[in-house]
Structures are given as structure tokens and as C-alpha cells.
Amino acid sequence: MKAQRDITTVSFDLLNKIPELEVEKGTNTCCGVSGSWGMKKENYETSMKIGHWLFNAVKKEDIDVAVTDCPTCKMQIEHTILFYVKN
């Protein structure tokens, strides 16, 4: 996604066209997974530290839905939200 900078706002722009929807773009572009790197046991803790800003924002803010175009970011967000809900 980062290599395709000119297409990274397509979903954001589309969602912004819905009048009743308040859309806010995240300020960072990495959730920490980096493909399969963050899924490896030896990289997991570092991966979570890299993405901590995102996880804290989703947890603390009044957010109904977090959306991403990146499938690994989606997995990381879902994993983290389930972890926060359990703990």
C-alpha cells in the first residue's frame, strides 16, 4: 500500500462522500505486521509496539468502526481489539 501512495486514499475518499458518516484518517501508516513479519513469535512484541498508536486510538476514541485497505492491518486490528476486550 505504501508503494502505491496515489491510491491509498480511495476508500477514505469514497467513505467521505456519505453525508451522515464522520470519517477520520489515521495519522500513521503502519500497524506493525509488515506482511508475515509481525506474525512470527520472535517479532510479535516489536510488532505490537510499532502499532500501539493505532490500537490505543481504536480502544480509547469514540470509534464505531475501524477501516483499512490492508488485509494484514485488518488482521492486526481485529486481533488487538479481541485481546483488549478479553483483558
PDB file of N, CA and C in Angstrom:
ATOM      1  N   MET A   1       0.826  -1.194   0.000  1.00  0.00           N
ATOM      2  CA  MET A   1       0.000   0.000   0.000  1.00  0.00           C
ATOM      3  C   MET A   1       0.869   1.256   0.000  1.00  0.00           C
ATOM      4  N   LYS A   2       1.932   1.227   0.782  1.00  0.00           N
ATOM      5  CA  LYS A   2       2.776   2.405   0.884  1.00  0.00           C
ATOM      6  C   LYS A   2       3.418   2.733  -0.468  1.00  0.00           C
ATOM      7  N   ALA A   3       3.753   1.724  -1.238  1.00  0.00           N
ATOM      8  CA  ALA A   3       4.361   1.943  -2.542  1.00  0.00           C
ATOM      9  C   ALA A   3       3.371   2.573  -3.520  1.00  0.00           C
ATOM     10  N   GLN A   4       2.093   2.398  -3.285  1.00  0.00           N
ATOM     11  CA  GLN A   4       1.052   2.930  -4.162  1.00  0.00           C
ATOM     12  C   GLN A   4       0.406   4.167  -3.534  1.00  0.00           C
ATOM     13  N   ARG A   5       1.188   5.128  -3.157  1.00  0.00           N
ATOM     14  CA  ARG A   5       0.702   6.318  -2.442  1.00  0.00           C
ATOM     15  C   ARG A   5      -0.495   6.989  -3.119  1.00  0.00           C
ATOM     16  N   ASP A   6      -0.548   6.988  -4.424  1.00  0.00           N
ATOM     17  CA  ASP A   6      -1.626   7.683  -5.119  1.00  0.00           C
ATOM     18  C   ASP A   6      -2.975   6.978  -4.996  1.00  0.00           C
ATOM     19  N   ILE A   7      -3.013   5.729  -4.542  1.00  0.00           N
ATOM     20  CA  ILE A   7      -4.298   5.037  -4.409  1.00  0.00           C
ATOM     21  C   ILE A   7      -4.700   4.806  -2.954  1.00  0.00           C
ATOM     22  N   THR A   8      -3.897   5.245  -2.006  1.00  0.00           N
ATOM     23  CA  THR A   8      -4.174   4.931  -0.605  1.00  0.00           C
ATOM     24  C   THR A   8      -5.331   5.717  -0.011  1.00  0.00           C
ATOM     25  N   THR A   9      -5.840   6.718  -0.712  1.00  0.00           N
ATOM     26  CA  THR A   9      -6.962   7.490  -0.180  1.00  0.00           C
ATOM     27  C   THR A   9      -8.290   7.132  -0.846  1.00  0.00           C
ATOM     28  N   VAL A  10      -8.303   6.163  -1.712  1.00  0.00           N
ATOM     29  CA  VAL A  10      -9.523   5.823  -2.451  1.00  0.00           C
ATOM     30  C   VAL A  10     -10.665   5.462  -1.499  1.00  0.00           C
ATOM     31  N   SER A  11     -10.440   4.564  -0.566  1.00  0.00           N
ATOM     32  CA  SER A  11     -11.501   4.168   0.367  1.00  0.00           C
ATOM     33  C   SER A  11     -11.919   5.333   1.249  1.00  0.00           C
ATOM     34  N   PHE A  12     -10.951   6.089   1.734  1.00  0.00           N
ATOM     35  CA  PHE A  12     -11.243   7.257   2.561  1.00  0.00           C
ATOM     36  C   PHE A  12     -12.097   8.259   1.790  1.00  0.00           C
ATOM     37  N   ASP A  13     -11.709   8.546   0.555  1.00  0.00           N
ATOM     38  CA  ASP A  13     -12.461   9.492  -0.274  1.00  0.00           C
ATOM     39  C   ASP A  13     -13.879   8.995  -0.537  1.00  0.00           C
ATOM     40  N   LEU A  14     -14.020   7.709  -0.781  1.00  0.00           N
ATOM     41  CA  LEU A  14     -15.338   7.135  -1.031  1.00  0.00           C
ATOM     42  C   LEU A  14     -16.220   7.218   0.220  1.00  0.00           C
ATOM     43  N   LEU A  15     -15.683   6.834   1.361  1.00  0.00           N
ATOM     44  CA  LEU A  15     -16.451   6.903   2.608  1.00  0.00           C
ATOM     45  C   LEU A  15     -16.820   8.341   2.954  1.00  0.00           C
ATOM     46  N   ASN A  16     -15.957   9.274   2.633  1.00  0.00           N
ATOM     47  CA  ASN A  16     -16.215  10.690   2.909  1.00  0.00           C
ATOM     48  C   ASN A  16     -17.388  11.237   2.117  1.00  0.00           C
ATOM     49  N   LYS A  17     -17.791  10.571   1.060  1.00  0.00           N
ATOM     50  CA  LYS A  17     -18.915  11.012   0.239  1.00  0.00           C
ATOM     51  C   LYS A  17     -20.269  10.702   0.882  1.00  0.00           C
ATOM     52  N   ILE A  18     -20.274   9.887   1.913  1.00  0.00           N
ATOM     53  CA  ILE A  18     -21.523   9.556   2.614  1.00  0.00           C
ATOM     54  C   ILE A  18     -21.813  10.684   3.604  1.00  0.00           C
ATOM     55  N   PRO A  19     -22.879  11.454   3.374  1.00  0.00           N
ATOM     56  CA  PRO A  19     -23.132  12.656   4.177  1.00  0.00           C
ATOM     57  C   PRO A  19     -23.273  12.403   5.687  1.00  0.00           C
ATOM     58  N   GLU A  20     -23.885  11.332   6.089  1.00  0.00           N
ATOM     59  CA  GLU A  20     -24.137  11.075   7.510  1.00  0.00           C
ATOM     60  C   GLU A  20     -22.942  10.449   8.228  1.00  0.00           C
ATOM     61  N   LEU A  21     -21.887  10.187   7.509  1.00  0.00           N
ATOM     62  CA  LEU A  21     -20.742   9.470   8.063  1.00  0.00           C
ATOM     63  C   LEU A  21     -19.606  10.431   8.397  1.00  0.00           C
ATOM     64  N   GLU A  22     -19.106  10.340   9.615  1.00  0.00           N
ATOM     65  CA  GLU A  22     -17.938  11.129  10.007  1.00  0.00           C
ATOM     66  C   GLU A  22     -16.715  10.233   9.861  1.00  0.00           C
ATOM     67  N   VAL A  23     -15.806  10.615   8.982  1.00  0.00           N
ATOM     68  CA  VAL A  23     -14.636   9.808   8.665  1.00  0.00           C
ATOM     69  C   VAL A  23     -13.381  10.554   9.094  1.00  0.00           C
ATOM     70  N   GLU A  24     -12.486   9.844   9.766  1.00  0.00           N
ATOM     71  CA  GLU A  24     -11.225  10.450  10.175  1.00  0.00           C
ATOM     72  C   GLU A  24     -10.087   9.535   9.757  1.00  0.00           C
ATOM     73  N   LYS A  25      -9.083  10.117   9.130  1.00  0.00           N
ATOM     74  CA  LYS A  25      -7.942   9.341   8.666  1.00  0.00           C
ATOM     75  C   LYS A  25      -6.913   9.243   9.786  1.00  0.00           C
ATOM     76  N   GLY A  26      -6.347   8.042   9.957  1.00  0.00           N
ATOM     77  CA  GLY A  26      -5.294   7.859  10.940  1.00  0.00           C
ATOM     78  C   GLY A  26      -4.061   8.655  10.565  1.00  0.00           C
ATOM     79  N   THR A  27      -3.244   8.966  11.571  1.00  0.00           N
ATOM     80  CA  THR A  27      -2.063   9.795  11.314  1.00  0.00           C
ATOM     81  C   THR A  27      -0.825   8.975  11.007  1.00  0.00           C
ATOM     82  N   ASN A  28      -0.850   7.688  11.245  1.00  0.00           N
ATOM     83  CA  ASN A  28       0.296   6.834  10.979  1.00  0.00           C
ATOM     84  C   ASN A  28      -0.103   5.807   9.927  1.00  0.00           C
ATOM     85  N   THR A  29       0.864   5.203   9.259  1.00  0.00           N
ATOM     86  CA  THR A  29       0.528   4.280   8.178  1.00  0.00           C
ATOM     87  C   THR A  29       0.949   2.846   8.439  1.00  0.00           C
ATOM     88  N   CYS A  30       1.302   2.494   9.681  1.00  0.00           N
ATOM     89  CA  CYS A  30       1.766   1.133   9.924  1.00  0.00           C
ATOM     90  C   CYS A  30       1.156   0.556  11.195  1.00  0.00           C
ATOM     91  N   CYS A  31       0.624  -0.656  11.085  1.00  0.00           N
ATOM     92  CA  CYS A  31       0.073  -1.350  12.239  1.00  0.00           C
ATOM     93  C   CYS A  31       1.099  -2.288  12.860  1.00  0.00           C
ATOM     94  N   GLY A  32       2.243  -2.454  12.211  1.00  0.00           N
ATOM     95  CA  GLY A  32       3.318  -3.250  12.780  1.00  0.00           C
ATOM     96  C   GLY A  32       3.478  -4.652  12.248  1.00  0.00           C
ATOM     97  N   VAL A  33       2.570  -5.134  11.426  1.00  0.00           N
ATOM     98  CA  VAL A  33       2.659  -6.517  10.971  1.00  0.00           C
ATOM     99  C   VAL A  33       3.690  -6.683   9.855  1.00  0.00           C
ATOM    100  N   SER A  34       3.642  -5.845   8.863  1.00  0.00           N
ATOM    101  CA  SER A  34       4.577  -5.896   7.736  1.00  0.00           C
ATOM    102  C   SER A  34       4.577  -7.271   7.072  1.00  0.00           C
ATOM    103  N   GLY A  35       3.467  -7.606   6.455  1.00  0.00           N
ATOM    104  CA  GLY A  35       3.328  -8.929   5.824  1.00  0.00           C
ATOM    105  C   GLY A  35       3.225  -9.996   6.888  1.00  0.00           C
ATOM    106  N   SER A  36       4.090 -10.978   6.837  1.00  0.00           N
ATOM    107  CA  SER A  36       4.059 -12.040   7.850  1.00  0.00           C
ATOM    108  C   SER A  36       5.089 -11.800   8.958  1.00  0.00           C
ATOM    109  N   TRP A  37       5.891 -10.756   8.849  1.00  0.00           N
ATOM    110  CA  TRP A  37       6.953 -10.479   9.815  1.00  0.00           C
ATOM    111  C   TRP A  37       6.414 -10.394  11.246  1.00  0.00           C
ATOM    112  N   GLY A  38       5.368  -9.616  11.456  1.00  0.00           N
ATOM    113  CA  GLY A  38       4.817  -9.426  12.798  1.00  0.00           C
ATOM    114  C   GLY A  38       4.085 -10.630  13.345  1.00  0.00           C
ATOM    115  N   MET A  39       3.834 -11.616  12.507  1.00  0.00           N
ATOM    116  CA  MET A  39       3.144 -12.823  12.967  1.00  0.00           C
ATOM    117  C   MET A  39       4.116 -13.852  13.539  1.00  0.00           C
ATOM    118  N   LYS A  40       5.392 -13.647  13.328  1.00  0.00           N
ATOM    119  CA  LYS A  40       6.387 -14.581  13.858  1.00  0.00           C
ATOM    120  C   LYS A  40       6.570 -14.331  15.345  1.00  0.00           C
ATOM    121  N   LYS A  41       6.694 -15.401  16.101  1.00  0.00           N
ATOM    122  CA  LYS A  41       6.800 -15.322  17.553  1.00  0.00           C
ATOM    123  C   LYS A  41       7.890 -14.348  18.001  1.00  0.00           C
ATOM    124  N   GLU A  42       9.044 -14.400  17.336  1.00  0.00           N
ATOM    125  CA  GLU A  42      10.170 -13.560  17.746  1.00  0.00           C
ATOM    126  C   GLU A  42       9.967 -12.074  17.415  1.00  0.00           C
ATOM    127  N   ASN A  43       9.008 -11.753  16.562  1.00  0.00           N
ATOM    128  CA  ASN A  43       8.752 -10.364  16.173  1.00  0.00           C
ATOM    129  C   ASN A  43       7.465  -9.800  16.760  1.00  0.00           C
ATOM    130  N   TYR A  44       6.669 -10.641  17.401  1.00  0.00           N
ATOM    131  CA  TYR A  44       5.328 -10.246  17.838  1.00  0.00           C
ATOM    132  C   TYR A  44       5.342  -9.019  18.751  1.00  0.00           C
ATOM    133  N   GLU A  45       6.174  -9.026  19.763  1.00  0.00           N
ATOM    134  CA  GLU A  45       6.201  -7.917  20.728  1.00  0.00           C
ATOM    135  C   GLU A  45       6.584  -6.599  20.045  1.00  0.00           C
ATOM    136  N   THR A  46       7.586  -6.652  19.181  1.00  0.00           N
ATOM    137  CA  THR A  46       8.004  -5.461  18.443  1.00  0.00           C
ATOM    138  C   THR A  46       6.883  -4.987  17.522  1.00  0.00           C
ATOM    139  N   SER A  47       6.215  -5.917  16.877  1.00  0.00           N
ATOM    140  CA  SER A  47       5.099  -5.591  16.004  1.00  0.00           C
ATOM    141  C   SER A  47       4.002  -4.846  16.768  1.00  0.00           C
ATOM    142  N   MET A  48       3.689  -5.308  17.961  1.00  0.00           N
ATOM    143  CA  MET A  48       2.660  -4.663  18.778  1.00  0.00           C
ATOM    144  C   MET A  48       3.111  -3.266  19.219  1.00  0.00           C
ATOM    145  N   LYS A  49       4.389  -3.084  19.474  1.00  0.00           N
ATOM    146  CA  LYS A  49       4.900  -1.757  19.849  1.00  0.00           C
ATOM    147  C   LYS A  49       4.809  -0.790  18.675  1.00  0.00           C
ATOM    148  N   ILE A  50       5.094  -1.286  17.487  1.00  0.00           N
ATOM    149  CA  ILE A  50       5.018  -0.438  16.291  1.00  0.00           C
ATOM    150  C   ILE A  50       3.590   0.055  16.069  1.00  0.00           C
ATOM    151  N   GLY A  51       2.618  -0.818  16.254  1.00  0.00           N
ATOM    152  CA  GLY A  51       1.219  -0.464  16.003  1.00  0.00           C
ATOM    153  C   GLY A  51       0.472   0.081  17.198  1.00  0.00           C
ATOM    154  N   HIS A  52       1.153   0.293  18.324  1.00  0.00           N
ATOM    155  CA  HIS A  52       0.453   0.688  19.556  1.00  0.00           C
ATOM    156  C   HIS A  52      -0.395   1.948  19.398  1.00  0.00           C
ATOM    157  N   TRP A  53       0.071   2.913  18.610  1.00  0.00           N
ATOM    158  CA  TRP A  53      -0.686   4.157  18.415  1.00  0.00           C
ATOM    159  C   TRP A  53      -2.073   3.868  17.861  1.00  0.00           C
ATOM    160  N   LEU A  54      -2.143   2.945  16.918  1.00  0.00           N
ATOM    161  CA  LEU A  54      -3.411   2.597  16.287  1.00  0.00           C
ATOM    162  C   LEU A  54      -4.328   1.874  17.265  1.00  0.00           C
ATOM    163  N   PHE A  55      -3.780   0.896  17.963  1.00  0.00           N
ATOM    164  CA  PHE A  55      -4.585   0.116  18.897  1.00  0.00           C
ATOM    165  C   PHE A  55      -5.145   0.996  20.009  1.00  0.00           C
ATOM    166  N   ASN A  56      -4.315   1.904  20.521  1.00  0.00           N
ATOM    167  CA  ASN A  56      -4.774   2.809  21.573  1.00  0.00           C
ATOM    168  C   ASN A  56      -5.850   3.758  21.062  1.00  0.00           C
ATOM    169  N   ALA A  57      -5.695   4.238  19.835  1.00  0.00           N
ATOM    170  CA  ALA A  57      -6.697   5.147  19.261  1.00  0.00           C
ATOM    171  C   ALA A  57      -8.033   4.445  19.096  1.00  0.00           C
ATOM    172  N   VAL A  58      -8.023   3.228  18.568  1.00  0.00           N
ATOM    173  CA  VAL A  58      -9.262   2.479  18.361  1.00  0.00           C
ATOM    174  C   VAL A  58      -9.913   2.144  19.701  1.00  0.00           C
ATOM    175  N   LYS A  59      -9.097   1.856  20.693  1.00  0.00           N
ATOM    176  CA  LYS A  59      -9.608   1.490  22.012  1.00  0.00           C
ATOM    177  C   LYS A  59     -10.165   2.696  22.759  1.00  0.00           C
ATOM    178  N   LYS A  60      -9.505   3.831  22.707  1.00  0.00           N
ATOM    179  CA  LYS A  60      -9.863   4.987  23.524  1.00  0.00           C
ATOM    180  C   LYS A  60     -10.871   5.924  22.881  1.00  0.00           C
ATOM    181  N   GLU A  61     -10.831   6.078  21.598  1.00  0.00           N
ATOM    182  CA  GLU A  61     -11.695   7.038  20.916  1.00  0.00           C
ATOM    183  C   GLU A  61     -13.116   6.484  20.796  1.00  0.00           C
ATOM    184  N   ASP A  62     -14.034   7.384  20.504  1.00  0.00           N
ATOM    185  CA  ASP A  62     -15.427   7.001  20.287  1.00  0.00           C
ATOM    186  C   ASP A  62     -15.580   6.572  18.828  1.00  0.00           C
ATOM    187  N   ILE A  63     -15.014   5.396  18.524  1.00  0.00           N
ATOM    188  CA  ILE A  63     -14.997   4.891  17.153  1.00  0.00           C
ATOM    189  C   ILE A  63     -15.934   3.694  17.042  1.00  0.00           C
ATOM    190  N   ASP A  64     -16.821   3.746  16.070  1.00  0.00           N
ATOM    191  CA  ASP A  64     -17.722   2.618  15.842  1.00  0.00           C
ATOM    192  C   ASP A  64     -17.067   1.546  14.979  1.00  0.00           C
ATOM    193  N   VAL A  65     -16.282   1.976  13.977  1.00  0.00           N
ATOM    194  CA  VAL A  65     -15.677   1.046  13.034  1.00  0.00           C
ATOM    195  C   VAL A  65     -14.297   1.561  12.632  1.00  0.00           C
ATOM    196  N   ALA A  66     -13.333   0.659  12.580  1.00  0.00           N
ATOM    197  CA  ALA A  66     -12.010   0.983  12.032  1.00  0.00           C
ATOM    198  C   ALA A  66     -11.924   0.298  10.669  1.00  0.00           C
ATOM    199  N   VAL A  67     -11.479   1.036   9.656  1.00  0.00           N
ATOM    200  CA  VAL A  67     -11.436   0.531   8.289  1.00  0.00           C
ATOM    201  C   VAL A  67     -10.012   0.660   7.753  1.00  0.00           C
ATOM    202  N   THR A  68      -9.582  -0.367   7.024  1.00  0.00           N
ATOM    203  CA  THR A  68      -8.280  -0.317   6.362  1.00  0.00           C
ATOM    204  C   THR A  68      -8.364  -1.035   5.022  1.00  0.00           C
ATOM    205  N   ASP A  69      -7.525  -0.616   4.102  1.00  0.00           N
ATOM    206  CA  ASP A  69      -7.428  -1.290   2.808  1.00  0.00           C
ATOM    207  C   ASP A  69      -6.439  -2.442   2.851  1.00  0.00           C
ATOM    208  N   CYS A  70      -5.672  -2.536   3.924  1.00  0.00           N
ATOM    209  CA  CYS A  70      -4.604  -3.526   4.030  1.00  0.00           C
ATOM    210  C   CYS A  70      -5.081  -4.763   4.793  1.00  0.00           C
ATOM    211  N   PRO A  71      -5.036  -5.949   4.183  1.00  0.00           N
ATOM    212  CA  PRO A  71      -5.523  -7.158   4.854  1.00  0.00           C
ATOM    213  C   PRO A  71      -4.728  -7.530   6.104  1.00  0.00           C
ATOM    214  N   THR A  72      -3.417  -7.273   6.128  1.00  0.00           N
ATOM    215  CA  THR A  72      -2.665  -7.614   7.343  1.00  0.00           C
ATOM    216  C   THR A  72      -2.958  -6.608   8.458  1.00  0.00           C
ATOM    217  N   CYS A  73      -3.182  -5.358   8.114  1.00  0.00           N
ATOM    218  CA  CYS A  73      -3.586  -4.378   9.128  1.00  0.00           C
ATOM    219  C   CYS A  73      -4.945  -4.776   9.714  1.00  0.00           C
ATOM    220  N   LYS A  74      -5.842  -5.236   8.869  1.00  0.00           N
ATOM    221  CA  LYS A  74      -7.162  -5.677   9.328  1.00  0.00           C
ATOM    222  C   LYS A  74      -7.020  -6.800  10.351  1.00  0.00           C
ATOM    223  N   MET A  75      -6.172  -7.780  10.038  1.00  0.00           N
ATOM    224  CA  MET A  75      -5.960  -8.893  10.980  1.00  0.00           C
ATOM    225  C   MET A  75      -5.372  -8.392  12.298  1.00  0.00           C
ATOM    226  N   GLN A  76      -4.412  -7.485  12.212  1.00  0.00           N
ATOM    227  CA  GLN A  76      -3.760  -6.970  13.418  1.00  0.00           C
ATOM    228  C   GLN A  76      -4.746  -6.171  14.271  1.00  0.00           C
ATOM    229  N   ILE A  77      -5.567  -5.350  13.646  1.00  0.00           N
ATOM    230  CA  ILE A  77      -6.575  -4.576  14.382  1.00  0.00           C
ATOM    231  C   ILE A  77      -7.568  -5.518  15.046  1.00  0.00           C
ATOM    232  N   GLU A  78      -8.076  -6.500  14.313  1.00  0.00           N
ATOM    233  CA  GLU A  78      -9.035  -7.452  14.881  1.00  0.00           C
ATOM    234  C   GLU A  78      -8.417  -8.226  16.044  1.00  0.00           C
ATOM    235  N   HIS A  79      -7.192  -8.685  15.872  1.00  0.00           N
ATOM    236  CA  HIS A  79      -6.507  -9.428  16.937  1.00  0.00           C
ATOM    237  C   HIS A  79      -6.372  -8.559  18.188  1.00  0.00           C
ATOM    238  N   THR A  80      -5.964  -7.325  18.002  1.00  0.00           N
ATOM    239  CA  THR A  80      -5.736  -6.437  19.128  1.00  0.00           C
ATOM    240  C   THR A  80      -7.035  -6.080  19.825  1.00  0.00           C
ATOM    241  N   ILE A  81      -8.086  -5.827  19.062  1.00  0.00           N
ATOM    242  CA  ILE A  81      -9.372  -5.498  19.670  1.00  0.00           C
ATOM    243  C   ILE A  81      -9.881  -6.689  20.475  1.00  0.00           C
ATOM    244  N   LEU A  82      -9.746  -7.897  19.945  1.00  0.00           N
ATOM    245  CA  LEU A  82     -10.155  -9.084  20.706  1.00  0.00           C
ATOM    246  C   LEU A  82      -9.318  -9.235  21.968  1.00  0.00           C
ATOM    247  N   PHE A  83      -8.033  -8.919  21.894  1.00  0.00           N
ATOM    248  CA  PHE A  83      -7.152  -9.014  23.056  1.00  0.00           C
ATOM    249  C   PHE A  83      -7.588  -8.003  24.108  1.00  0.00           C
ATOM    250  N   TYR A  84      -7.877  -6.748  23.682  1.00  0.00           N
ATOM    251  CA  TYR A  84      -8.298  -5.726  24.628  1.00  0.00           C
ATOM    252  C   TYR A  84      -9.631  -6.067  25.274  1.00  0.00           C
ATOM    253  N   VAL A  85     -10.546  -6.634  24.498  1.00  0.00           N
ATOM    254  CA  VAL A  85     -11.854  -6.986  25.028  1.00  0.00           C
ATOM    255  C   VAL A  85     -11.716  -8.087  26.085  1.00  0.00           C
ATOM    256  N   LYS A  86     -10.842  -9.062  25.830  1.00  0.00           N
ATOM    257  CA  LYS A  86     -10.650 -10.162  26.774  1.00  0.00           C
ATOM    258  C   LYS A  86      -9.938  -9.708  28.044  1.00  0.00           C
ATOM    259  N   ASN A  87      -9.011  -8.772  27.917  1.00  0.00           N
ATOM    260  CA  ASN A  87      -8.174  -8.383  29.065  1.00  0.00           C
ATOM    261  C   ASN A  87      -8.579  -7.057  29.631  1.00  0.00           C
TER     262      ASN A  87
END
